[in-house]
Amino acid sequence: MKTELGVLLLTQLANGDLEQAMRTCHAICPQATTTSPVSTPATVSKEVKQHEGSALFYVAMRVIFQTRPEAYLRGAAVDTYPREYLLAIAQSCSPASRAYLVDVLRLACAGGPAAGPKVLGFANFLMGCSYFWPLGNAEDLPRAVHHYRLACDFGDSWGHFSLGYCHQHGMGVPLDNAQAIEHYRVSASLGNSFGQYNLGQIYEKGVDTEKDLAQAVSLYSAAAAQNNAYAQYSLAWCYLHAVGVEMDQKRGIHLYLQATAQGYRDAQNNFAICLEQGNGVGRNTREALRMYHLSAEQGAPSALFNVARCVLSGIGTQKDMREAVRWYKFSAAGGFEKADMQLRDLLGSS
């Protein structure tokens, strides 16, 4: 397969020509039949994983569905680059597919001034990802940082977000929260919802800067308006607990519903708590247990604990101590200390 077709796709994505990008996607990976976002790692492992163009196809489809969800979805948008999704591409796609992705990125990064800053920034960001996760190259954090810096030089919002993340966590560079804040600020100013969200987290917690809850709420609001599930979740918490904003239970519940519609497990767990307690919404223990299960199926230790608690006490279901112990063990395996304590109490008394 000619790498020039892949470079054309990256150019279309960087320039926002999404209708053409969709066509190019399917030209690169004609075996793909999906018309909806590849939103879960399980989907990546099932669909066309051996096709040479599949790794690039999955990355491109993710960008398309995040940028223009209304054109292709009958629901909420999805997160563009969650860790599990990129790892699924790295693990499920064939070596030839990952090698093709890297070849395309190398050619795009070497495109020169004629390619334009949008294309060069976007290509260097993705090349950085290929070393960070890794998607095709061997893991090499300093090289990832090198390409993220190049992406920043070309004004790419994802490059600034990624470099901020590296500085915040000391990955490939020394830990430096001041640099992280600066890059998140630039990313946020360019409209990147993840830059807005992470900067909001820093202001909410006061990480190496003065705590500013009102600014955190403002940033969460900007990101939530772009269907960022993490921001919707955090903003919901702010409205339900009067953090930096007046309490508004109706608004908080609405935001939880938006985040749960995207499958965000923490939002599912917290909304289930609201349903169980009747906090801002009518009490419904059966629906609460269903939401706990949705979150638990994604491995959330707190949700696993809550399923166990409901099964033990007969909340929304029949009491079943043996089944409760099984769920407590899942939660404890995920590092949830309360589950360990509950297991000791239950098993010690049985």
Protein backbone atom coordinates (compact mmCIF):
# COMPACT_ATOMS: atom_id res chain seq x y z
CA MET A 1 0.00 0.00 0.00
CA LYS A 2 1.38 3.40 -0.92
CA THR A 3 2.22 5.58 2.04
CA GLU A 4 1.19 8.64 0.02
CA LEU A 5 -2.46 7.69 0.53
CA GLY A 6 -1.90 7.67 4.27
CA VAL A 7 -0.24 11.07 4.14
CA LEU A 8 -3.22 12.36 2.17
CA LEU A 9 -5.47 11.12 4.98
CA LEU A 10 -3.41 12.90 7.63
CA THR A 11 -3.53 16.08 5.55
CA GLN A 12 -7.31 15.85 5.27
CA LEU A 13 -7.66 15.27 9.02
CA ALA A 14 -5.34 18.13 9.94
CA ASN A 15 -7.18 20.51 7.63
CA GLY A 16 -10.62 19.44 8.82
CA ASP A 17 -11.73 17.91 5.51
CA LEU A 18 -13.55 15.11 7.28
CA GLU A 19 -15.88 13.96 4.51
CA GLN A 20 -12.92 13.28 2.24
CA ALA A 21 -11.02 11.77 5.17
CA MET A 22 -13.82 9.23 5.65
CA ARG A 23 -13.54 8.18 2.02
CA THR A 24 -9.76 7.92 2.25
CA CYS A 25 -10.10 5.89 5.45
CA HIS A 26 -12.10 3.25 3.64
CA ALA A 27 -9.78 3.33 0.65
CA ILE A 28 -6.88 2.56 3.00
CA CYS A 29 -8.78 -0.15 4.86
CA PRO A 30 -11.48 -1.41 2.45
CA GLN A 31 -12.31 -4.42 4.63
CA ALA A 32 -13.64 -2.15 7.36
CA THR A 33 -17.40 -1.98 7.52
CA THR A 34 -17.83 0.16 10.61
CA THR A 35 -19.80 3.38 10.30
CA SER A 36 -19.60 4.19 13.99
CA PRO A 37 -16.63 5.08 16.18
CA VAL A 38 -14.26 2.37 17.27
CA SER A 39 -15.07 3.23 20.85
CA THR A 40 -13.84 0.23 22.81
CA PRO A 41 -10.67 -1.85 22.88
CA ALA A 42 -12.81 -4.92 22.24
CA THR A 43 -13.91 -3.50 18.89
CA VAL A 44 -10.30 -2.94 17.86
CA SER A 45 -9.49 -6.57 18.60
CA LYS A 46 -12.40 -7.85 16.48
CA GLU A 47 -12.36 -5.71 13.33
CA VAL A 48 -9.89 -6.04 10.44
CA LYS A 49 -6.96 -6.22 12.86
CA GLN A 50 -4.71 -7.97 10.38
CA HIS A 51 -5.24 -5.52 7.53
CA GLU A 52 -2.19 -3.41 6.71
CA GLY A 53 -4.02 -0.10 7.04
CA SER A 54 -6.06 -0.88 10.14
CA ALA A 55 -3.89 0.93 12.73
CA LEU A 56 -4.02 4.16 10.75
CA PHE A 57 -7.72 3.56 10.08
CA TYR A 58 -8.54 3.32 13.78
CA VAL A 59 -6.57 6.43 14.69
CA ALA A 60 -8.17 8.40 11.86
CA MET A 61 -11.71 7.28 12.67
CA ARG A 62 -11.17 8.35 16.25
CA VAL A 63 -10.19 11.85 15.15
CA ILE A 64 -13.17 12.10 12.82
CA PHE A 65 -15.71 11.05 15.41
CA GLN A 66 -14.31 13.39 18.05
CA THR A 67 -14.17 16.36 15.71
CA ARG A 68 -17.55 15.98 14.04
CA PRO A 69 -19.70 13.58 16.08
CA GLU A 70 -22.95 15.08 14.81
CA ALA A 71 -22.11 13.94 11.28
CA TYR A 72 -21.71 10.29 12.18
CA LEU A 73 -23.20 9.55 15.59
CA ARG A 74 -26.65 9.26 17.09
CA GLY A 75 -25.44 10.17 20.52
CA ALA A 76 -22.59 11.69 22.43
CA ALA A 77 -19.06 12.10 21.20
CA VAL A 78 -16.25 9.90 22.40
CA ASP A 79 -12.82 10.61 23.82
CA THR A 80 -10.19 10.83 21.12
CA TYR A 81 -7.08 9.25 22.62
CA PRO A 82 -7.90 7.27 25.78
CA ARG A 83 -5.04 5.09 26.95
CA GLU A 84 -6.93 1.82 26.61
CA TYR A 85 -7.86 2.56 23.01
CA LEU A 86 -4.32 3.30 21.87
CA LEU A 87 -2.99 0.27 23.70
CA ALA A 88 -5.61 -1.86 21.99
CA ILE A 89 -4.37 -0.65 18.60
CA ALA A 90 -0.78 -1.38 19.61
CA GLN A 91 -1.62 -4.86 20.85
CA SER A 92 -4.27 -6.01 18.37
CA CYS A 93 -3.17 -4.70 14.98
CA SER A 94 -0.64 -6.73 13.04
CA PRO A 95 3.06 -5.77 12.91
CA ALA A 96 2.62 -4.85 9.24
CA SER A 97 -0.24 -2.53 10.13
CA ARG A 98 1.74 -0.78 12.85
CA ALA A 99 4.75 -0.50 10.53
CA TYR A 100 2.57 1.09 7.86
CA LEU A 101 1.28 3.66 10.36
CA VAL A 102 4.86 4.59 11.28
CA ASP A 103 5.91 4.82 7.61
CA VAL A 104 3.03 7.20 6.93
CA LEU A 105 3.91 9.35 9.94
CA ARG A 106 7.57 9.52 8.98
CA LEU A 107 6.72 10.64 5.47
CA ALA A 108 4.24 13.22 6.79
CA CYS A 109 6.73 14.57 9.35
CA ALA A 110 9.29 14.98 6.58
CA GLY A 111 6.83 16.84 4.38
CA GLY A 112 8.65 20.16 4.65
CA PRO A 113 7.14 23.67 4.63
CA ALA A 114 4.86 22.84 1.71
CA ALA A 115 2.90 20.48 3.95
CA GLY A 116 1.79 23.38 6.16
CA PRO A 117 1.95 23.79 9.95
CA LYS A 118 -1.36 22.00 10.65
CA VAL A 119 -0.23 18.83 8.92
CA LEU A 120 3.29 18.91 10.36
CA GLY A 121 1.98 19.59 13.87
CA PHE A 122 -0.61 16.82 13.70
CA ALA A 123 1.85 14.31 12.18
CA ASN A 124 4.49 15.02 14.82
CA PHE A 125 1.91 14.65 17.57
CA LEU A 126 0.92 11.22 16.26
CA MET A 127 4.56 10.25 15.79
CA GLY A 128 5.12 11.16 19.42
CA CYS A 129 2.21 8.89 20.33
CA SER A 130 3.77 6.06 18.33
CA TYR A 131 6.78 6.19 20.70
CA PHE A 132 4.80 6.96 23.86
CA TRP A 133 2.24 4.13 23.88
CA PRO A 134 3.81 2.51 21.66
CA LEU A 135 1.69 2.28 18.53
CA GLY A 136 4.32 1.05 16.12
CA ASN A 137 7.75 2.13 17.31
CA ALA A 138 9.41 0.69 20.39
CA GLU A 139 8.65 2.70 23.53
CA ASP A 140 11.02 5.66 23.65
CA LEU A 141 9.81 8.53 25.84
CA PRO A 142 12.60 11.00 24.94
CA ARG A 143 11.76 10.54 21.25
CA ALA A 144 8.08 10.96 22.03
CA VAL A 145 8.88 14.23 23.79
CA HIS A 146 11.00 15.33 20.81
CA HIS A 147 8.05 14.93 18.45
CA TYR A 148 5.61 16.50 20.89
CA ARG A 149 7.92 19.55 21.01
CA LEU A 150 7.98 19.71 17.22
CA ALA A 151 4.17 19.53 17.24
CA CYS A 152 4.14 22.44 19.69
CA ASP A 153 6.42 24.44 17.39
CA PHE A 154 3.77 24.07 14.69
CA GLY A 155 0.99 25.17 17.07
CA ASP A 156 -0.68 21.79 17.55
CA SER A 157 -3.03 21.72 20.56
CA TRP A 158 -2.53 17.97 21.10
CA GLY A 159 1.23 18.45 21.06
CA HIS A 160 0.94 21.02 23.86
CA PHE A 161 -1.42 18.75 25.80
CA SER A 162 0.90 15.78 25.46
CA LEU A 163 4.02 17.71 26.41
CA GLY A 164 2.19 19.14 29.41
CA TYR A 165 1.24 15.61 30.44
CA CYS A 166 4.86 14.47 30.13
CA HIS A 167 6.06 17.35 32.33
CA GLN A 168 3.29 16.75 34.87
CA HIS A 169 4.22 13.09 35.29
CA GLY A 170 7.96 13.23 34.64
CA MET A 171 7.77 11.02 31.55
CA GLY A 172 10.71 11.55 29.20
CA VAL A 173 11.44 14.89 30.88
CA PRO A 174 12.01 15.99 34.48
CA LEU A 175 8.82 16.50 36.46
CA ASP A 176 7.97 20.20 36.14
CA ASN A 177 4.46 21.33 37.01
CA ALA A 178 5.17 24.91 35.93
CA GLN A 179 5.94 23.68 32.41
CA ALA A 180 2.92 21.39 32.52
CA ILE A 181 0.66 24.30 33.42
CA GLU A 182 2.10 26.45 30.64
CA HIS A 183 1.54 23.80 27.98
CA TYR A 184 -1.94 22.99 29.26
CA ARG A 185 -2.73 26.71 29.08
CA VAL A 186 -1.68 26.89 25.45
CA SER A 187 -3.58 23.70 24.62
CA ALA A 188 -6.67 25.05 26.38
CA SER A 189 -6.41 28.39 24.58
CA LEU A 190 -6.37 26.49 21.27
CA GLY A 191 -9.67 24.87 22.24
CA ASN A 192 -8.39 21.42 23.19
CA SER A 193 -10.90 19.95 25.64
CA PHE A 194 -8.30 17.72 27.31
CA GLY A 195 -6.00 20.70 27.84
CA GLN A 196 -8.95 22.54 29.35
CA TYR A 197 -9.83 19.59 31.57
CA ASN A 198 -6.32 18.94 32.87
CA LEU A 199 -5.76 22.64 33.56
CA GLY A 200 -9.08 22.68 35.40
CA GLN A 201 -7.89 19.77 37.54
CA ILE A 202 -4.75 21.72 38.44
CA TYR A 203 -6.76 24.79 39.46
CA GLU A 204 -9.25 22.69 41.44
CA LYS A 205 -6.50 20.93 43.40
CA GLY A 206 -4.05 23.84 43.58
CA VAL A 207 -1.11 21.89 42.10
CA ASP A 208 1.88 24.27 42.23
CA THR A 209 -0.50 27.17 41.70
CA GLU A 210 -3.11 28.98 43.74
CA LYS A 211 -6.35 27.04 44.00
CA ASP A 212 -9.02 28.72 41.88
CA LEU A 213 -12.32 26.85 41.91
CA ALA A 214 -14.14 29.38 39.75
CA GLN A 215 -11.47 29.05 37.06
CA ALA A 216 -11.64 25.26 37.33
CA VAL A 217 -15.40 25.37 36.76
CA SER A 218 -14.94 27.68 33.79
CA LEU A 219 -12.44 25.29 32.19
CA TYR A 220 -14.58 22.23 32.92
CA SER A 221 -17.54 24.01 31.33
CA ALA A 222 -15.58 24.77 28.15
CA ALA A 223 -14.43 21.15 27.89
CA ALA A 224 -17.85 19.71 28.78
CA ALA A 225 -19.39 21.78 25.97
CA GLN A 226 -17.16 19.76 23.62
CA ASN A 227 -18.55 16.48 24.99
CA ASN A 228 -15.47 15.70 27.06
CA ALA A 229 -16.78 13.02 29.44
CA TYR A 230 -14.11 13.65 32.08
CA ALA A 231 -15.04 17.32 32.22
CA GLN A 232 -18.76 16.53 32.32
CA TYR A 233 -18.11 14.23 35.27
CA SER A 234 -16.02 16.79 37.17
CA LEU A 235 -18.44 19.62 36.43
CA ALA A 236 -21.34 17.47 37.63
CA TRP A 237 -19.52 16.97 40.92
CA CYS A 238 -19.00 20.72 41.23
CA TYR A 239 -22.70 21.46 40.73
CA LEU A 240 -23.86 18.70 43.07
CA HIS A 241 -21.45 19.72 45.85
CA ALA A 242 -21.27 23.51 45.33
CA VAL A 243 -17.58 23.46 44.41
CA GLY A 244 -16.75 26.82 42.82
CA VAL A 245 -20.35 27.29 41.74
CA GLU A 246 -23.82 27.45 43.30
CA MET A 247 -25.39 24.05 43.91
CA ASP A 248 -27.62 22.96 41.04
CA GLN A 249 -28.69 19.33 41.33
CA LYS A 250 -30.61 19.34 38.08
CA ARG A 251 -27.58 20.58 36.16
CA GLY A 252 -25.32 18.11 37.94
CA ILE A 253 -27.50 15.13 37.12
CA HIS A 254 -27.78 16.24 33.49
CA LEU A 255 -23.98 16.32 33.24
CA TYR A 256 -23.67 12.88 34.81
CA LEU A 257 -26.13 11.58 32.23
CA GLN A 258 -24.05 13.07 29.42
CA ALA A 259 -20.91 11.41 30.75
CA THR A 260 -22.60 8.05 31.38
CA ALA A 261 -23.92 8.09 27.81
CA GLN A 262 -20.28 8.04 26.73
CA GLY A 263 -19.59 5.04 28.93
CA TYR A 264 -17.37 6.87 31.42
CA ARG A 265 -17.16 4.46 34.33
CA ASP A 266 -16.66 6.99 37.15
CA ALA A 267 -19.72 8.92 36.03
CA GLN A 268 -21.74 5.69 35.87
CA ASN A 269 -20.71 4.85 39.43
CA ASN A 270 -21.49 8.31 40.80
CA PHE A 271 -24.81 8.55 38.98
CA ALA A 272 -25.70 5.15 40.43
CA ILE A 273 -25.02 6.55 43.91
CA CYS A 274 -27.43 9.40 43.15
CA LEU A 275 -30.06 6.89 42.02
CA GLU A 276 -29.57 4.72 45.09
CA GLN A 277 -29.83 7.66 47.48
CA GLY A 278 -32.39 9.71 45.57
CA ASN A 279 -29.95 12.62 45.38
CA GLY A 280 -31.16 15.02 42.69
CA VAL A 281 -33.10 12.25 40.95
CA GLY A 282 -35.90 9.85 41.86
CA ARG A 283 -34.69 6.92 43.96
CA ASN A 284 -34.42 3.75 41.87
CA THR A 285 -32.32 0.97 43.36
CA ARG A 286 -32.73 -1.44 40.44
CA GLU A 287 -31.47 1.15 37.98
CA ALA A 288 -28.71 2.08 40.43
CA LEU A 289 -27.52 -1.53 40.50
CA ARG A 290 -27.60 -1.67 36.70
CA MET A 291 -25.41 1.43 36.51
CA TYR A 292 -23.02 0.02 39.12
CA HIS A 293 -22.72 -3.07 36.92
CA LEU A 294 -21.93 -0.99 33.82
CA SER A 295 -19.13 0.74 35.70
CA ALA A 296 -17.93 -2.49 37.31
CA GLU A 297 -17.71 -4.20 33.93
CA GLN A 298 -15.03 -1.63 33.06
CA GLY A 299 -13.07 -2.57 36.16
CA ALA A 300 -13.84 0.39 38.42
CA PRO A 301 -12.91 -0.86 41.94
CA SER A 302 -15.42 1.45 43.66
CA ALA A 303 -18.23 0.19 41.42
CA LEU A 304 -17.21 -3.42 42.05
CA PHE A 305 -17.46 -2.62 45.76
CA ASN A 306 -20.89 -1.04 45.32
CA VAL A 307 -22.20 -4.06 43.40
CA ALA A 308 -20.99 -6.27 46.27
CA ARG A 309 -22.60 -3.99 48.84
CA CYS A 310 -25.94 -4.04 47.01
CA VAL A 311 -25.91 -7.81 46.58
CA LEU A 312 -25.00 -8.31 50.25
CA SER A 313 -27.78 -6.02 51.49
CA GLY A 314 -30.42 -6.80 48.89
CA ILE A 315 -30.44 -3.33 47.34
CA GLY A 316 -32.10 -3.59 43.94
CA THR A 317 -31.74 -7.36 43.97
CA GLN A 318 -31.99 -10.47 46.14
CA LYS A 319 -29.51 -10.87 48.98
CA ASP A 320 -26.71 -13.29 48.12
CA MET A 321 -23.71 -13.41 50.44
CA ARG A 322 -21.70 -15.80 48.27
CA GLU A 323 -22.13 -13.56 45.23
CA ALA A 324 -21.30 -10.50 47.34
CA VAL A 325 -18.02 -12.09 48.44
CA ARG A 326 -17.15 -12.74 44.80
CA TRP A 327 -17.64 -9.05 43.93
CA TYR A 328 -15.75 -7.89 47.02
CA LYS A 329 -12.81 -10.03 45.89
CA PHE A 330 -12.86 -8.35 42.47
CA SER A 331 -12.85 -4.94 44.14
CA ALA A 332 -10.07 -5.86 46.54
CA ALA A 333 -7.96 -7.14 43.64
CA GLY A 334 -8.30 -3.65 42.17
CA GLY A 335 -6.79 -2.11 45.29
CA PHE A 336 -9.99 -0.90 46.97
CA GLU A 337 -9.16 -1.02 50.70
CA LYS A 338 -12.78 -0.99 51.92
CA ALA A 339 -13.35 -4.23 50.02
CA ASP A 340 -10.45 -5.88 51.85
CA MET A 341 -11.87 -4.80 55.18
CA GLN A 342 -15.35 -6.04 54.29
CA LEU A 343 -13.96 -9.39 53.15
CA ARG A 344 -12.13 -9.87 56.43
CA ASP A 345 -15.34 -9.14 58.34
CA LEU A 346 -17.46 -11.44 56.20
CA LEU A 347 -15.06 -14.36 55.94
CA GLY A 348 -14.07 -14.07 59.56
CA SER A 349 -17.69 -14.35 60.64
CA SER A 350 -18.68 -17.18 58.29
